Each structure stands twice: as structure tokens, then as C-alpha cells.
Amino acid sequence: MSTDAPLIEFPCDFPIKVFGLPDDDFVAMVVDLVTQHTGPVAAEAIATRSSRGGKYVAVTITVRASSREQMDRVYQALCAERRILMAL
């Protein structure tokens, strides 16, 4: 068994989860940052969930990832935005 096998085979559907404060435009901002690198995503590929107390919001966007480099660019853009607390 080869140890050089990639963990993810591209292209693939890849869920990106982003956490932040529930500002009015947070979801739109996250979608904009992601789609700059992936192209448009369908509305049904975007899900949001508030924390129990409503202090935080999680946005999950499932994209069609074409390469590791593309996903690296997405995560670099997300981590550079100060309103994003965490991106998984």
C-alpha cells in the first residue's frame, strides 16, 4: 500500500464550514469569498446554522473542488478575513 496516495481525489464535492458572528452580511461575504475561487454555487449548496445562544453562525458551502491548490486559495482568502473566526 502506497503512503503517497492523496487524501482527497479531485475533482470532488467539498464542504467548507465557516464560523463567525451573525452580522447582516456575513453569509453573503463568505459566499463571495468562496465563489471568487470556485465559481458560482447553487443556493441548495449553502446551509447556515446559528449557535444555541445565537452568538455565532456557521455557514457550510459545498463546492466542486478541482484541485488542492484551489482549496488552498479558498482557505487563504477565508483566513485573511477578520470577521471569520474559523474555517474548516
PDB file of N, CA and C in Angstrom:
ATOM      1  N   MET A   1       0.854  -1.183   0.000  1.00  0.00           N
ATOM      2  CA  MET A   1       0.000   0.000   0.000  1.00  0.00           C
ATOM      3  C   MET A   1       0.890   1.233   0.000  1.00  0.00           C
ATOM      4  N   SER A   2       0.623   2.144  -0.903  1.00  0.00           N
ATOM      5  CA  SER A   2       1.435   3.348  -1.049  1.00  0.00           C
ATOM      6  C   SER A   2       1.061   4.388   0.000  1.00  0.00           C
ATOM      7  N   THR A   3       2.057   5.020   0.574  1.00  0.00           N
ATOM      8  CA  THR A   3       1.808   6.093   1.539  1.00  0.00           C
ATOM      9  C   THR A   3       1.711   7.447   0.855  1.00  0.00           C
ATOM     10  N   ASP A   4       1.943   7.474  -0.469  1.00  0.00           N
ATOM     11  CA  ASP A   4       1.888   8.718  -1.220  1.00  0.00           C
ATOM     12  C   ASP A   4       0.498   8.999  -1.796  1.00  0.00           C
ATOM     13  N   ALA A   5      -0.442   8.149  -1.524  1.00  0.00           N
ATOM     14  CA  ALA A   5      -1.785   8.336  -2.060  1.00  0.00           C
ATOM     15  C   ALA A   5      -2.406   9.605  -1.481  1.00  0.00           C
ATOM     16  N   PRO A   6      -3.048  10.403  -2.340  1.00  0.00           N
ATOM     17  CA  PRO A   6      -3.674  11.629  -1.831  1.00  0.00           C
ATOM     18  C   PRO A   6      -4.837  11.313  -0.906  1.00  0.00           C
ATOM     19  N   LEU A   7      -5.060  12.182   0.068  1.00  0.00           N
ATOM     20  CA  LEU A   7      -6.178  12.012   0.989  1.00  0.00           C
ATOM     21  C   LEU A   7      -7.508  12.312   0.316  1.00  0.00           C
ATOM     22  N   ILE A   8      -7.478  13.225  -0.640  1.00  0.00           N
ATOM     23  CA  ILE A   8      -8.682  13.620  -1.369  1.00  0.00           C
ATOM     24  C   ILE A   8      -8.411  13.473  -2.854  1.00  0.00           C
ATOM     25  N   GLU A   9      -9.333  12.876  -3.566  1.00  0.00           N
ATOM     26  CA  GLU A   9      -9.232  12.742  -5.021  1.00  0.00           C
ATOM     27  C   GLU A   9     -10.030  13.874  -5.663  1.00  0.00           C
ATOM     28  N   PHE A  10      -9.384  14.649  -6.511  1.00  0.00           N
ATOM     29  CA  PHE A  10     -10.036  15.761  -7.201  1.00  0.00           C
ATOM     30  C   PHE A  10     -10.363  15.342  -8.618  1.00  0.00           C
ATOM     31  N   PRO A  11     -11.437  15.882  -9.192  1.00  0.00           N
ATOM     32  CA  PRO A  11     -12.415  16.794  -8.598  1.00  0.00           C
ATOM     33  C   PRO A  11     -13.348  16.045  -7.648  1.00  0.00           C
ATOM     34  N   CYS A  12     -13.917  16.808  -6.710  1.00  0.00           N
ATOM     35  CA  CYS A  12     -14.847  16.228  -5.746  1.00  0.00           C
ATOM     36  C   CYS A  12     -15.738  17.325  -5.165  1.00  0.00           C
ATOM     37  N   ASP A  13     -16.841  16.896  -4.583  1.00  0.00           N
ATOM     38  CA  ASP A  13     -17.686  17.827  -3.831  1.00  0.00           C
ATOM     39  C   ASP A  13     -17.051  17.986  -2.459  1.00  0.00           C
ATOM     40  N   PHE A  14     -16.829  19.229  -2.042  1.00  0.00           N
ATOM     41  CA  PHE A  14     -16.058  19.503  -0.830  1.00  0.00           C
ATOM     42  C   PHE A  14     -16.804  20.505   0.038  1.00  0.00           C
ATOM     43  N   PRO A  15     -17.212  20.118   1.250  1.00  0.00           N
ATOM     44  CA  PRO A  15     -17.905  21.057   2.131  1.00  0.00           C
ATOM     45  C   PRO A  15     -16.906  21.953   2.873  1.00  0.00           C
ATOM     46  N   ILE A  16     -17.160  23.238   2.846  1.00  0.00           N
ATOM     47  CA  ILE A  16     -16.348  24.227   3.562  1.00  0.00           C
ATOM     48  C   ILE A  16     -17.230  24.810   4.656  1.00  0.00           C
ATOM     49  N   LYS A  17     -16.767  24.749   5.895  1.00  0.00           N
ATOM     50  CA  LYS A  17     -17.545  25.269   7.019  1.00  0.00           C
ATOM     51  C   LYS A  17     -16.824  26.481   7.593  1.00  0.00           C
ATOM     52  N   VAL A  18     -17.565  27.574   7.757  1.00  0.00           N
ATOM     53  CA  VAL A  18     -17.001  28.839   8.211  1.00  0.00           C
ATOM     54  C   VAL A  18     -17.827  29.337   9.395  1.00  0.00           C
ATOM     55  N   PHE A  19     -17.149  29.795  10.453  1.00  0.00           N
ATOM     56  CA  PHE A  19     -17.811  30.295  11.660  1.00  0.00           C
ATOM     57  C   PHE A  19     -17.518  31.775  11.844  1.00  0.00           C
ATOM     58  N   GLY A  20     -18.512  32.507  12.315  1.00  0.00           N
ATOM     59  CA  GLY A  20     -18.324  33.922  12.602  1.00  0.00           C
ATOM     60  C   GLY A  20     -19.489  34.470  13.398  1.00  0.00           C
ATOM     61  N   LEU A  21     -19.469  35.789  13.558  1.00  0.00           N
ATOM     62  CA  LEU A  21     -20.563  36.476  14.248  1.00  0.00           C
ATOM     63  C   LEU A  21     -21.694  36.719  13.256  1.00  0.00           C
ATOM     64  N   PRO A  22     -22.937  36.671  13.702  1.00  0.00           N
ATOM     65  CA  PRO A  22     -24.077  36.753  12.788  1.00  0.00           C
ATOM     66  C   PRO A  22     -24.382  38.170  12.304  1.00  0.00           C
ATOM     67  N   ASP A  23     -23.414  38.815  11.654  1.00  0.00           N
ATOM     68  CA  ASP A  23     -23.658  40.125  11.058  1.00  0.00           C
ATOM     69  C   ASP A  23     -24.625  39.968   9.888  1.00  0.00           C
ATOM     70  N   ASP A  24     -25.282  41.069   9.528  1.00  0.00           N
ATOM     71  CA  ASP A  24     -26.276  41.031   8.453  1.00  0.00           C
ATOM     72  C   ASP A  24     -25.726  40.475   7.143  1.00  0.00           C
ATOM     73  N   ASP A  25     -24.476  40.792   6.825  1.00  0.00           N
ATOM     74  CA  ASP A  25     -23.928  40.379   5.529  1.00  0.00           C
ATOM     75  C   ASP A  25     -22.883  39.270   5.638  1.00  0.00           C
ATOM     76  N   PHE A  26     -22.792  38.592   6.778  1.00  0.00           N
ATOM     77  CA  PHE A  26     -21.759  37.584   6.973  1.00  0.00           C
ATOM     78  C   PHE A  26     -21.864  36.449   5.948  1.00  0.00           C
ATOM     79  N   VAL A  27     -23.058  35.923   5.771  1.00  0.00           N
ATOM     80  CA  VAL A  27     -23.231  34.802   4.843  1.00  0.00           C
ATOM     81  C   VAL A  27     -22.876  35.233   3.429  1.00  0.00           C
ATOM     82  N   ALA A  28     -23.346  36.382   3.003  1.00  0.00           N
ATOM     83  CA  ALA A  28     -23.043  36.875   1.659  1.00  0.00           C
ATOM     84  C   ALA A  28     -21.544  37.087   1.477  1.00  0.00           C
ATOM     85  N   MET A  29     -20.883  37.598   2.503  1.00  0.00           N
ATOM     86  CA  MET A  29     -19.442  37.819   2.435  1.00  0.00           C
ATOM     87  C   MET A  29     -18.697  36.494   2.276  1.00  0.00           C
ATOM     88  N   VAL A  30     -19.098  35.478   3.053  1.00  0.00           N
ATOM     89  CA  VAL A  30     -18.452  34.163   2.962  1.00  0.00           C
ATOM     90  C   VAL A  30     -18.671  33.566   1.577  1.00  0.00           C
ATOM     91  N   VAL A  31     -19.892  33.616   1.091  1.00  0.00           N
ATOM     92  CA  VAL A  31     -20.196  33.074  -0.240  1.00  0.00           C
ATOM     93  C   VAL A  31     -19.367  33.792  -1.298  1.00  0.00           C
ATOM     94  N   ASP A  32     -19.251  35.099  -1.197  1.00  0.00           N
ATOM     95  CA  ASP A  32     -18.470  35.873  -2.159  1.00  0.00           C
ATOM     96  C   ASP A  32     -16.996  35.460  -2.133  1.00  0.00           C
ATOM     97  N   LEU A  33     -16.425  35.326  -0.943  1.00  0.00           N
ATOM     98  CA  LEU A  33     -15.015  34.926  -0.840  1.00  0.00           C
ATOM     99  C   LEU A  33     -14.777  33.551  -1.461  1.00  0.00           C
ATOM    100  N   VAL A  34     -15.672  32.631  -1.195  1.00  0.00           N
ATOM    101  CA  VAL A  34     -15.510  31.267  -1.716  1.00  0.00           C
ATOM    102  C   VAL A  34     -15.690  31.234  -3.230  1.00  0.00           C
ATOM    103  N   THR A  35     -16.750  31.858  -3.727  1.00  0.00           N
ATOM    104  CA  THR A  35     -17.046  31.766  -5.160  1.00  0.00           C
ATOM    105  C   THR A  35     -16.056  32.532  -6.030  1.00  0.00           C
ATOM    106  N   GLN A  36     -15.279  33.421  -5.448  1.00  0.00           N
ATOM    107  CA  GLN A  36     -14.199  34.065  -6.215  1.00  0.00           C
ATOM    108  C   GLN A  36     -13.194  33.028  -6.702  1.00  0.00           C
ATOM    109  N   HIS A  37     -13.092  31.913  -5.998  1.00  0.00           N
ATOM    110  CA  HIS A  37     -12.114  30.881  -6.328  1.00  0.00           C
ATOM    111  C   HIS A  37     -12.732  29.613  -6.900  1.00  0.00           C
ATOM    112  N   THR A  38     -14.043  29.448  -6.737  1.00  0.00           N
ATOM    113  CA  THR A  38     -14.684  28.206  -7.170  1.00  0.00           C
ATOM    114  C   THR A  38     -15.703  28.400  -8.284  1.00  0.00           C
ATOM    115  N   GLY A  39     -16.115  29.626  -8.507  1.00  0.00           N
ATOM    116  CA  GLY A  39     -17.222  29.869  -9.411  1.00  0.00           C
ATOM    117  C   GLY A  39     -18.526  29.783  -8.635  1.00  0.00           C
ATOM    118  N   PRO A  40     -19.643  30.036  -9.302  1.00  0.00           N
ATOM    119  CA  PRO A  40     -20.935  30.069  -8.621  1.00  0.00           C
ATOM    120  C   PRO A  40     -21.296  28.729  -7.974  1.00  0.00           C
ATOM    121  N   VAL A  41     -22.071  28.807  -6.893  1.00  0.00           N
ATOM    122  CA  VAL A  41     -22.615  27.615  -6.244  1.00  0.00           C
ATOM    123  C   VAL A  41     -24.131  27.765  -6.178  1.00  0.00           C
ATOM    124  N   ALA A  42     -24.812  26.640  -6.229  1.00  0.00           N
ATOM    125  CA  ALA A  42     -26.276  26.645  -6.161  1.00  0.00           C
ATOM    126  C   ALA A  42     -26.723  27.008  -4.749  1.00  0.00           C
ATOM    127  N   ALA A  43     -27.878  27.617  -4.660  1.00  0.00           N
ATOM    128  CA  ALA A  43     -28.418  28.023  -3.358  1.00  0.00           C
ATOM    129  C   ALA A  43     -28.561  26.828  -2.421  1.00  0.00           C
ATOM    130  N   GLU A  44     -28.899  25.669  -2.958  1.00  0.00           N
ATOM    131  CA  GLU A  44     -29.055  24.491  -2.100  1.00  0.00           C
ATOM    132  C   GLU A  44     -27.725  23.934  -1.608  1.00  0.00           C
ATOM    133  N   ALA A  45     -26.610  24.455  -2.107  1.00  0.00           N
ATOM    134  CA  ALA A  45     -25.280  24.051  -1.645  1.00  0.00           C
ATOM    135  C   ALA A  45     -24.804  24.912  -0.473  1.00  0.00           C
ATOM    136  N   ILE A  46     -25.655  25.833  -0.014  1.00  0.00           N
ATOM    137  CA  ILE A  46     -25.316  26.739   1.087  1.00  0.00           C
ATOM    138  C   ILE A  46     -26.275  26.487   2.243  1.00  0.00           C
ATOM    139  N   ALA A  47     -25.702  26.217   3.416  1.00  0.00           N
ATOM    140  CA  ALA A  47     -26.522  25.995   4.609  1.00  0.00           C
ATOM    141  C   ALA A  47     -25.981  26.853   5.743  1.00  0.00           C
ATOM    142  N   THR A  48     -26.887  27.351   6.577  1.00  0.00           N
ATOM    143  CA  THR A  48     -26.467  28.138   7.738  1.00  0.00           C
ATOM    144  C   THR A  48     -27.093  27.549   8.993  1.00  0.00           C
ATOM    145  N   ARG A  49     -26.395  27.765  10.088  1.00  0.00           N
ATOM    146  CA  ARG A  49     -26.904  27.298  11.384  1.00  0.00           C
ATOM    147  C   ARG A  49     -26.391  28.237  12.463  1.00  0.00           C
ATOM    148  N   SER A  50     -27.291  28.681  13.310  1.00  0.00           N
ATOM    149  CA  SER A  50     -26.909  29.531  14.436  1.00  0.00           C
ATOM    150  C   SER A  50     -26.538  28.672  15.633  1.00  0.00           C
ATOM    151  N   SER A  51     -25.636  29.199  16.460  1.00  0.00           N
ATOM    152  CA  SER A  51     -25.301  28.506  17.700  1.00  0.00           C
ATOM    153  C   SER A  51     -26.508  28.534  18.626  1.00  0.00           C
ATOM    154  N   ARG A  52     -26.479  27.734  19.644  1.00  0.00           N
ATOM    155  CA  ARG A  52     -27.620  27.618  20.566  1.00  0.00           C
ATOM    156  C   ARG A  52     -28.032  28.981  21.121  1.00  0.00           C
ATOM    157  N   GLY A  53     -27.079  29.783  21.534  1.00  0.00           N
ATOM    158  CA  GLY A  53     -27.390  31.089  22.094  1.00  0.00           C
ATOM    159  C   GLY A  53     -27.506  32.197  21.058  1.00  0.00           C
ATOM    160  N   GLY A  54     -27.245  31.869  19.785  1.00  0.00           N
ATOM    161  CA  GLY A  54     -27.352  32.856  18.710  1.00  0.00           C
ATOM    162  C   GLY A  54     -26.166  33.789  18.599  1.00  0.00           C
ATOM    163  N   LYS A  55     -25.107  33.518  19.342  1.00  0.00           N
ATOM    164  CA  LYS A  55     -23.940  34.406  19.312  1.00  0.00           C
ATOM    165  C   LYS A  55     -23.092  34.189  18.052  1.00  0.00           C
ATOM    166  N   TYR A  56     -23.133  32.990  17.490  1.00  0.00           N
ATOM    167  CA  TYR A  56     -22.312  32.649  16.328  1.00  0.00           C
ATOM    168  C   TYR A  56     -23.180  32.047  15.232  1.00  0.00           C
ATOM    169  N   VAL A  57     -22.639  32.079  14.011  1.00  0.00           N
ATOM    170  CA  VAL A  57     -23.307  31.446  12.885  1.00  0.00           C
ATOM    171  C   VAL A  57     -22.273  30.589  12.154  1.00  0.00           C
ATOM    172  N   ALA A  58     -22.733  29.433  11.666  1.00  0.00           N
ATOM    173  CA  ALA A  58     -21.899  28.554  10.852  1.00  0.00           C
ATOM    174  C   ALA A  58     -22.483  28.530   9.449  1.00  0.00           C
ATOM    175  N   VAL A  59     -21.624  28.692   8.465  1.00  0.00           N
ATOM    176  CA  VAL A  59     -22.030  28.634   7.069  1.00  0.00           C
ATOM    177  C   VAL A  59     -21.297  27.455   6.443  1.00  0.00           C
ATOM    178  N   THR A  60     -22.043  26.553   5.831  1.00  0.00           N
ATOM    179  CA  THR A  60     -21.433  25.437   5.110  1.00  0.00           C
ATOM    180  C   THR A  60     -21.751  25.600   3.632  1.00  0.00           C
ATOM    181  N   ILE A  61     -20.698  25.619   2.823  1.00  0.00           N
ATOM    182  CA  ILE A  61     -20.847  25.737   1.375  1.00  0.00           C
ATOM    183  C   ILE A  61     -20.188  24.508   0.762  1.00  0.00           C
ATOM    184  N   THR A  62     -20.941  23.755   0.003  1.00  0.00           N
ATOM    185  CA  THR A  62     -20.379  22.598  -0.684  1.00  0.00           C
ATOM    186  C   THR A  62     -20.058  23.009  -2.112  1.00  0.00           C
ATOM    187  N   VAL A  63     -18.771  22.921  -2.455  1.00  0.00           N
ATOM    188  CA  VAL A  63     -18.290  23.353  -3.767  1.00  0.00           C
ATOM    189  C   VAL A  63     -17.760  22.157  -4.540  1.00  0.00           C
ATOM    190  N   ARG A  64     -17.631  22.307  -5.826  1.00  0.00           N
ATOM    191  CA  ARG A  64     -16.975  21.307  -6.668  1.00  0.00           C
ATOM    192  C   ARG A  64     -15.508  21.712  -6.741  1.00  0.00           C
ATOM    193  N   ALA A  65     -14.682  21.036  -5.967  1.00  0.00           N
ATOM    194  CA  ALA A  65     -13.254  21.366  -5.878  1.00  0.00           C
ATOM    195  C   ALA A  65     -12.495  20.687  -7.008  1.00  0.00           C
ATOM    196  N   SER A  66     -11.651  21.456  -7.665  1.00  0.00           N
ATOM    197  CA  SER A  66     -10.901  20.897  -8.793  1.00  0.00           C
ATOM    198  C   SER A  66      -9.460  20.538  -8.444  1.00  0.00           C
ATOM    199  N   SER A  67      -8.916  21.138  -7.370  1.00  0.00           N
ATOM    200  CA  SER A  67      -7.521  20.839  -7.015  1.00  0.00           C
ATOM    201  C   SER A  67      -7.221  21.280  -5.584  1.00  0.00           C
ATOM    202  N   ARG A  68      -6.145  20.762  -5.067  1.00  0.00           N
ATOM    203  CA  ARG A  68      -5.704  21.175  -3.730  1.00  0.00           C
ATOM    204  C   ARG A  68      -5.307  22.647  -3.744  1.00  0.00           C
ATOM    205  N   GLU A  69      -4.678  23.092  -4.811  1.00  0.00           N
ATOM    206  CA  GLU A  69      -4.261  24.492  -4.919  1.00  0.00           C
ATOM    207  C   GLU A  69      -5.473  25.426  -4.864  1.00  0.00           C
ATOM    208  N   GLN A  70      -6.550  25.027  -5.514  1.00  0.00           N
ATOM    209  CA  GLN A  70      -7.772  25.826  -5.470  1.00  0.00           C
ATOM    210  C   GLN A  70      -8.289  25.921  -4.034  1.00  0.00           C
ATOM    211  N   MET A  71      -8.318  24.815  -3.330  1.00  0.00           N
ATOM    212  CA  MET A  71      -8.806  24.818  -1.950  1.00  0.00           C
ATOM    213  C   MET A  71      -7.871  25.606  -1.037  1.00  0.00           C
ATOM    214  N   ASP A  72      -6.570  25.555  -1.290  1.00  0.00           N
ATOM    215  CA  ASP A  72      -5.620  26.372  -0.526  1.00  0.00           C
ATOM    216  C   ASP A  72      -5.931  27.854  -0.705  1.00  0.00           C
ATOM    217  N   ARG A  73      -6.245  28.272  -1.933  1.00  0.00           N
ATOM    218  CA  ARG A  73      -6.579  29.682  -2.186  1.00  0.00           C
ATOM    219  C   ARG A  73      -7.868  30.076  -1.464  1.00  0.00           C
ATOM    220  N   VAL A  74      -8.846  29.177  -1.462  1.00  0.00           N
ATOM    221  CA  VAL A  74     -10.109  29.455  -0.758  1.00  0.00           C
ATOM    222  C   VAL A  74      -9.835  29.677   0.725  1.00  0.00           C
ATOM    223  N   TYR A  75      -9.094  28.755   1.348  1.00  0.00           N
ATOM    224  CA  TYR A  75      -8.830  28.866   2.785  1.00  0.00           C
ATOM    225  C   TYR A  75      -7.944  30.058   3.124  1.00  0.00           C
ATOM    226  N   GLN A  76      -7.017  30.423   2.246  1.00  0.00           N
ATOM    227  CA  GLN A  76      -6.204  31.621   2.482  1.00  0.00           C
ATOM    228  C   GLN A  76      -7.082  32.863   2.475  1.00  0.00           C
ATOM    229  N   ALA A  77      -8.016  32.941   1.526  1.00  0.00           N
ATOM    230  CA  ALA A  77      -8.924  34.094   1.460  1.00  0.00           C
ATOM    231  C   ALA A  77      -9.818  34.147   2.701  1.00  0.00           C
ATOM    232  N   LEU A  78     -10.317  33.005   3.133  1.00  0.00           N
ATOM    233  CA  LEU A  78     -11.191  32.974   4.307  1.00  0.00           C
ATOM    234  C   LEU A  78     -10.429  33.364   5.574  1.00  0.00           C
ATOM    235  N   CYS A  79      -9.221  32.837   5.732  1.00  0.00           N
ATOM    236  CA  CYS A  79      -8.437  33.122   6.947  1.00  0.00           C
ATOM    237  C   CYS A  79      -7.942  34.565   6.999  1.00  0.00           C
ATOM    238  N   ALA A  80      -7.879  35.230   5.855  1.00  0.00           N
ATOM    239  CA  ALA A  80      -7.434  36.625   5.810  1.00  0.00           C
ATOM    240  C   ALA A  80      -8.544  37.595   6.228  1.00  0.00           C
ATOM    241  N   GLU A  81      -9.782  37.132   6.242  1.00  0.00           N
ATOM    242  CA  GLU A  81     -10.923  37.989   6.602  1.00  0.00           C
ATOM    243  C   GLU A  81     -11.078  38.009   8.116  1.00  0.00           C
ATOM    244  N   ARG A  82     -10.997  39.182   8.702  1.00  0.00           N
ATOM    245  CA  ARG A  82     -11.010  39.325  10.165  1.00  0.00           C
ATOM    246  C   ARG A  82     -12.329  38.898  10.804  1.00  0.00           C
ATOM    247  N   ARG A  83     -13.439  38.952  10.064  1.00  0.00           N
ATOM    248  CA  ARG A  83     -14.743  38.589  10.648  1.00  0.00           C
ATOM    249  C   ARG A  83     -14.945  37.078  10.724  1.00  0.00           C
ATOM    250  N   ILE A  84     -14.092  36.329  10.068  1.00  0.00           N
ATOM    251  CA  ILE A  84     -14.201  34.872  10.119  1.00  0.00           C
ATOM    252  C   ILE A  84     -13.389  34.373  11.296  1.00  0.00           C
ATOM    253  N   LEU A  85     -14.057  33.671  12.205  1.00  0.00           N
ATOM    254  CA  LEU A  85     -13.399  33.173  13.399  1.00  0.00           C
ATOM    255  C   LEU A  85     -12.698  31.849  13.159  1.00  0.00           C
ATOM    256  N   MET A  86     -13.263  31.013  12.268  1.00  0.00           N
ATOM    257  CA  MET A  86     -12.677  29.705  11.995  1.00  0.00           C
ATOM    258  C   MET A  86     -13.200  29.205  10.648  1.00  0.00           C
ATOM    259  N   ALA A  87     -12.341  28.517   9.906  1.00  0.00           N
ATOM    260  CA  ALA A  87     -12.747  27.881   8.652  1.00  0.00           C
ATOM    261  C   ALA A  87     -12.238  26.452   8.659  1.00  0.00           C
ATOM    262  N   LEU A  88     -13.135  25.523   8.374  1.00  0.00           N
ATOM    263  CA  LEU A  88     -12.786  24.099   8.351  1.00  0.00           C
ATOM    264  C   LEU A  88     -13.068  23.526   6.976  1.00  0.00           C
TER     265      LEU A  88
END
